[in-house]
C-alpha atoms as a PDB file:
ATOM      1  CA  MET A   1      -0.172  -0.248   0.183  1.00  0.00           C
ATOM      2  CA  ALA A   2       2.757   2.221   0.679  1.00  0.00           C
ATOM      3  CA  ILE A   3       3.418   1.672  -2.769  1.00  0.00           C
ATOM      4  CA  SER A   4       1.444   2.886  -4.206  1.00  0.00           C
ATOM      5  CA  ARG A   5       0.248   6.162  -2.427  1.00  0.00           C
ATOM      6  CA  LEU A   6       4.332   6.844  -3.401  1.00  0.00           C
ATOM      7  CA  ASP A   7       3.165   6.224  -6.907  1.00  0.00           C
ATOM      8  CA  ASN A   8       0.074   8.892  -6.331  1.00  0.00           C
ATOM      9  CA  LEU A   9       2.616  11.098  -5.166  1.00  0.00           C
ATOM     10  CA  TYR A  10       4.849  10.973  -8.027  1.00  0.00           C
ATOM     11  CA  ARG A  11       1.980  10.718 -10.505  1.00  0.00           C
ATOM     12  CA  GLN A  12       0.249  14.081  -8.462  1.00  0.00           C
ATOM     13  CA  VAL A  13       3.517  15.985  -8.729  1.00  0.00           C
ATOM     14  CA  ILE A  14       3.882  15.556 -12.888  1.00  0.00           C
ATOM     15  CA  LEU A  15       0.364  16.216 -13.255  1.00  0.00           C
ATOM     16  CA  ASP A  16       1.376  19.651 -11.553  1.00  0.00           C
ATOM     17  CA  HIS A  17       4.496  20.545 -13.190  1.00  0.00           C
ATOM     18  CA  SER A  18       2.541  19.250 -16.386  1.00  0.00           C
ATOM     19  CA  THR A  19      -0.294  21.377 -16.154  1.00  0.00           C
ATOM     20  CA  LYS A  20       0.692  24.623 -14.159  1.00  0.00           C
ATOM     21  CA  PRO A  21       4.496  24.542 -15.167  1.00  0.00           C
ATOM     22  CA  HIS A  22       6.622  27.078 -13.541  1.00  0.00           C
ATOM     23  CA  HIS A  23       8.842  28.881 -15.839  1.00  0.00           C
ATOM     24  CA  ARG A  24       6.780  28.603 -18.931  1.00  0.00           C
ATOM     25  CA  GLY A  25       6.876  31.619 -21.418  1.00  0.00           C
ATOM     26  CA  THR A  26       9.962  33.973 -22.099  1.00  0.00           C
ATOM     27  CA  LEU A  27      12.107  35.839 -21.277  1.00  0.00           C
ATOM     28  CA  THR A  28      13.091  39.663 -21.708  1.00  0.00           C
ATOM     29  CA  GLU A  29      16.697  39.117 -22.514  1.00  0.00           C
ATOM     30  CA  SER A  30      18.481  35.496 -23.269  1.00  0.00           C
ATOM     31  CA  THR A  31      22.054  34.988 -24.250  1.00  0.00           C
ATOM     32  CA  GLN A  32      20.610  31.963 -25.582  1.00  0.00           C
ATOM     33  CA  THR A  33      17.505  30.153 -27.448  1.00  0.00           C
ATOM     34  CA  ILE A  34      16.996  27.079 -28.911  1.00  0.00           C
ATOM     35  CA  GLU A  35      14.372  25.114 -30.421  1.00  0.00           C
ATOM     36  CA  MET A  36      14.560  21.128 -30.643  1.00  0.00           C
ATOM     37  CA  ASN A  37      11.704  18.345 -30.460  1.00  0.00           C
ATOM     38  CA  ASN A  38      10.903  15.094 -30.688  1.00  0.00           C
ATOM     39  CA  PRO A  39      10.122  13.313 -33.853  1.00  0.00           C
ATOM     40  CA  THR A  40       8.867  10.476 -32.123  1.00  0.00           C
ATOM     41  CA  CYS A  41       5.404  11.696 -30.599  1.00  0.00           C
ATOM     42  CA  GLY A  42       5.553  15.523 -31.587  1.00  0.00           C
ATOM     43  CA  ASP A  43       6.882  17.637 -28.600  1.00  0.00           C
ATOM     44  CA  VAL A  44       8.240  20.839 -29.222  1.00  0.00           C
ATOM     45  CA  ILE A  45      10.342  23.245 -26.639  1.00  0.00           C
ATOM     46  CA  GLN A  46      12.352  26.605 -27.168  1.00  0.00           C
ATOM     47  CA  LEU A  47      14.344  27.526 -24.568  1.00  0.00           C
ATOM     48  CA  GLU A  48      15.978  30.717 -23.612  1.00  0.00           C
ATOM     49  CA  VAL A  49      18.177  30.871 -21.458  1.00  0.00           C
ATOM     50  CA  SER A  50      20.654  33.687 -19.687  1.00  0.00           C
ATOM     51  CA  LEU A  51      23.570  33.375 -18.890  1.00  0.00           C
ATOM     52  CA  LYS A  52      25.772  35.571 -17.122  1.00  0.00           C
ATOM     53  CA  ASP A  53      29.538  34.930 -15.758  1.00  0.00           C
ATOM     54  CA  GLY A  54      28.779  31.080 -16.022  1.00  0.00           C
ATOM     55  CA  VAL A  55      25.515  31.551 -14.090  1.00  0.00           C
ATOM     56  CA  ILE A  56      22.241  30.218 -15.287  1.00  0.00           C
ATOM     57  CA  ALA A  57      20.458  33.299 -14.142  1.00  0.00           C
ATOM     58  CA  ASP A  58      17.389  32.516 -15.794  1.00  0.00           C
ATOM     59  CA  ILE A  59      15.393  30.380 -18.004  1.00  0.00           C
ATOM     60  CA  ALA A  60      12.116  30.016 -19.878  1.00  0.00           C
ATOM     61  CA  PHE A  61      10.782  27.576 -22.141  1.00  0.00           C
ATOM     62  CA  SER A  62       7.545  27.179 -24.511  1.00  0.00           C
ATOM     63  CA  GLY A  63       6.218  25.067 -26.910  1.00  0.00           C
ATOM     64  CA  ASP A  64       4.155  21.533 -27.610  1.00  0.00           C
ATOM     65  CA  GLY A  65       4.967  18.834 -25.965  1.00  0.00           C
ATOM     66  CA  CYS A  66       3.413  15.565 -23.958  1.00  0.00           C
ATOM     67  CA  SER A  67       2.608  15.977 -20.164  1.00  0.00           C
ATOM     68  CA  ILE A  68       6.128  13.691 -19.662  1.00  0.00           C
ATOM     69  CA  SER A  69       7.870  16.575 -22.002  1.00  0.00           C
ATOM     70  CA  THR A  70       6.293  19.341 -20.093  1.00  0.00           C
ATOM     71  CA  ALA A  71       6.748  18.518 -16.571  1.00  0.00           C
ATOM     72  CA  SER A  72      10.620  17.872 -17.000  1.00  0.00           C
ATOM     73  CA  ALA A  73      10.972  21.322 -18.721  1.00  0.00           C
ATOM     74  CA  SER A  74       9.510  22.784 -15.942  1.00  0.00           C
ATOM     75  CA  MET A  75      11.575  20.495 -13.081  1.00  0.00           C
ATOM     76  CA  MET A  76      14.477  21.295 -14.889  1.00  0.00           C
ATOM     77  CA  THR A  77      13.739  24.951 -14.734  1.00  0.00           C
ATOM     78  CA  ASP A  78      13.697  24.955 -11.133  1.00  0.00           C
ATOM     79  CA  ALA A  79      16.452  22.911 -10.636  1.00  0.00           C
ATOM     80  CA  ILE A  80      18.772  24.443 -12.364  1.00  0.00           C
ATOM     81  CA  ILE A  81      18.233  28.509 -12.219  1.00  0.00           C
ATOM     82  CA  GLY A  82      21.334  30.139 -10.021  1.00  0.00           C
ATOM     83  CA  LYS A  83      23.264  27.201 -11.195  1.00  0.00           C
ATOM     84  CA  THR A  84      27.048  27.256 -12.510  1.00  0.00           C
ATOM     85  CA  VAL A  85      27.277  25.274 -16.222  1.00  0.00           C
ATOM     86  CA  ALA A  86      29.354  22.731 -14.749  1.00  0.00           C
ATOM     87  CA  GLU A  87      26.527  22.247 -12.418  1.00  0.00           C
ATOM     88  CA  ALA A  88      23.726  22.239 -14.705  1.00  0.00           C
ATOM     89  CA  VAL A  89      25.489  19.988 -17.324  1.00  0.00           C
ATOM     90  CA  ALA A  90      26.214  17.136 -13.914  1.00  0.00           C
ATOM     91  CA  LEU A  91      22.602  17.526 -13.293  1.00  0.00           C
ATOM     92  CA  GLY A  92      21.697  17.199 -17.125  1.00  0.00           C
ATOM     93  CA  ALA A  93      24.239  13.620 -16.876  1.00  0.00           C
ATOM     94  CA  THR A  94      22.527  12.637 -13.616  1.00  0.00           C
ATOM     95  CA  PHE A  95      19.360  13.054 -15.415  1.00  0.00           C
ATOM     96  CA  SER A  96      19.767  11.145 -18.318  1.00  0.00           C
ATOM     97  CA  GLU A  97      21.319   8.073 -16.130  1.00  0.00           C
ATOM     98  CA  LEU A  98      18.480   8.339 -13.899  1.00  0.00           C
ATOM     99  CA  VAL A  99      15.345   8.165 -16.487  1.00  0.00           C
ATOM    100  CA  GLN A 100      17.549   5.731 -18.846  1.00  0.00           C
ATOM    101  CA  GLY A 101      16.710   3.331 -15.086  1.00  0.00           C
ATOM    102  CA  LYS A 102      21.204   3.444 -13.814  1.00  0.00           C
ATOM    103  CA  ALA A 103      21.509   4.070 -10.543  1.00  0.00           C
ATOM    104  CA  VAL A 104      22.880   7.615  -9.358  1.00  0.00           C
ATOM    105  CA  GLU A 105      24.377   9.803  -6.767  1.00  0.00           C
ATOM    106  CA  ASN A 106      23.069  12.979  -5.639  1.00  0.00           C
ATOM    107  CA  GLU A 107      19.112  12.076  -6.837  1.00  0.00           C
ATOM    108  CA  GLU A 108      18.199  14.439  -4.488  1.00  0.00           C
ATOM    109  CA  ALA A 109      20.050  17.644  -6.166  1.00  0.00           C
ATOM    110  CA  LEU A 110      17.271  17.132  -8.928  1.00  0.00           C
ATOM    111  CA  GLY A 111      14.671  18.148  -6.794  1.00  0.00           C
ATOM    112  CA  ASP A 112      11.075  17.324  -8.041  1.00  0.00           C
ATOM    113  CA  ALA A 113      12.921  15.808 -12.080  1.00  0.00           C
ATOM    114  CA  ALA A 114      14.216  13.125  -9.832  1.00  0.00           C
ATOM    115  CA  MET A 115      10.291  11.662  -9.467  1.00  0.00           C
ATOM    116  CA  LEU A 116      10.467  10.843 -13.126  1.00  0.00           C
ATOM    117  CA  GLN A 117      12.833   7.869 -12.126  1.00  0.00           C
ATOM    118  CA  GLY A 118       9.688   5.501 -13.429  1.00  0.00           C
ATOM    119  CA  VAL A 119      10.578   6.856 -17.408  1.00  0.00           C
ATOM    120  CA  SER A 120      12.475   4.039 -17.445  1.00  0.00           C
ATOM    121  CA  LYS A 121      10.064   1.550 -17.406  1.00  0.00           C
ATOM    122  CA  TYR A 122       8.696   3.328 -20.859  1.00  0.00           C
ATOM    123  CA  PRO A 123      11.462   3.530 -23.460  1.00  0.00           C
ATOM    124  CA  ALA A 124      10.114   5.689 -25.412  1.00  0.00           C
ATOM    125  CA  ARG A 125       9.299   8.450 -23.046  1.00  0.00           C
ATOM    126  CA  ILE A 126      12.931   8.624 -22.560  1.00  0.00           C
ATOM    127  CA  LYS A 127      13.141  10.738 -25.099  1.00  0.00           C
ATOM    128  CA  CYS A 128      10.193  13.322 -23.713  1.00  0.00           C
ATOM    129  CA  ALA A 129      11.561  13.496 -20.720  1.00  0.00           C
ATOM    130  CA  THR A 130      15.100  14.225 -21.855  1.00  0.00           C
ATOM    131  CA  LEU A 131      14.352  16.683 -24.414  1.00  0.00           C
ATOM    132  CA  ALA A 132      14.120  19.974 -22.353  1.00  0.00           C
ATOM    133  CA  TRP A 133      17.395  18.837 -21.499  1.00  0.00           C
ATOM    134  CA  LYS A 134      19.259  17.979 -24.704  1.00  0.00           C
ATOM    135  CA  ALA A 135      17.759  21.533 -25.396  1.00  0.00           C
ATOM    136  CA  LEU A 136      19.749  22.868 -22.396  1.00  0.00           C
ATOM    137  CA  ALA A 137      22.429  21.203 -23.670  1.00  0.00           C
ATOM    138  CA  GLN A 138      22.716  22.904 -26.590  1.00  0.00           C
ATOM    139  CA  ALA A 139      22.641  26.021 -25.418  1.00  0.00           C
ATOM    140  CA  ILE A 140      25.293  25.688 -23.144  1.00  0.00           C
ATOM    141  CA  ASP A 141      27.071  24.549 -26.422  1.00  0.00           C
ATOM    142  CA  GLU A 142      26.579  26.956 -28.101  1.00  0.00           C
ATOM    143  CA  SER A 143      27.023  29.944 -25.615  1.00  0.00           C
ATOM    144  CA  GLY A 144      31.110  28.276 -25.421  1.00  0.00           C
ATOM    145  CA  ASP A 145      30.840  28.575 -21.658  1.00  0.00           C
ATOM    146  CA  GLY A 146      30.460  24.767 -21.255  1.00  0.00           C
ATOM    147  CA  HIS A 147      33.700  24.011 -22.552  1.00  0.00           C
ATOM    148  CA  GLY A 148      32.424  21.014 -24.242  1.00  0.00           C
ATOM    149  CA  LEU A 149      31.019  19.758 -20.852  1.00  0.00           C
ATOM    150  CA  ALA A 150      27.328  19.635 -22.693  1.00  0.00           C
ATOM    151  CA  HIS A 151      28.098  16.329 -24.452  1.00  0.00           C
ATOM    152  CA  GLN A 152      28.069  14.698 -21.490  1.00  0.00           C
ATOM    153  CA  PHE A 153      24.204  15.211 -21.737  1.00  0.00           C
ATOM    154  CA  HIS A 154      23.794  12.746 -24.563  1.00  0.00           C
ATOM    155  CA  LYS A 155      24.421   9.117 -23.018  1.00  0.00           C
ATOM    156  CA  GLU A 156      21.092   7.715 -24.196  1.00  0.00           C
END
């Protein structure tokens, strides 16, 4: 019974992020704008990032996506605002491994995004969950602030 309650909690948090996503919209000033899609299911994201002195000062996303994709983008934005580029890259690598069903350290640093661990049971949904994170990796790569670190996102 405890597992069922925990599953229900996870579902509720994912549903909340999906229906009332955090940081959805646009930025007045961004240093990088990336548009990316998941051709498998049609998810599209536009990610705007404001990098200042190697720190993710602000981030916003827009687009159309399934509940997993939208929830993941919302959770990602919460997890990385205020983080250095290196910290964001490390979180992206941790998230990628987590949704592939691999054991990870520092799972709690992902915040609500750790609740997407169950996606590993549905391989077709992994691309939905990682779309925003891959867009972030591309933004970091294109900014030049990542110094080649963002390749760690592309492990699956």
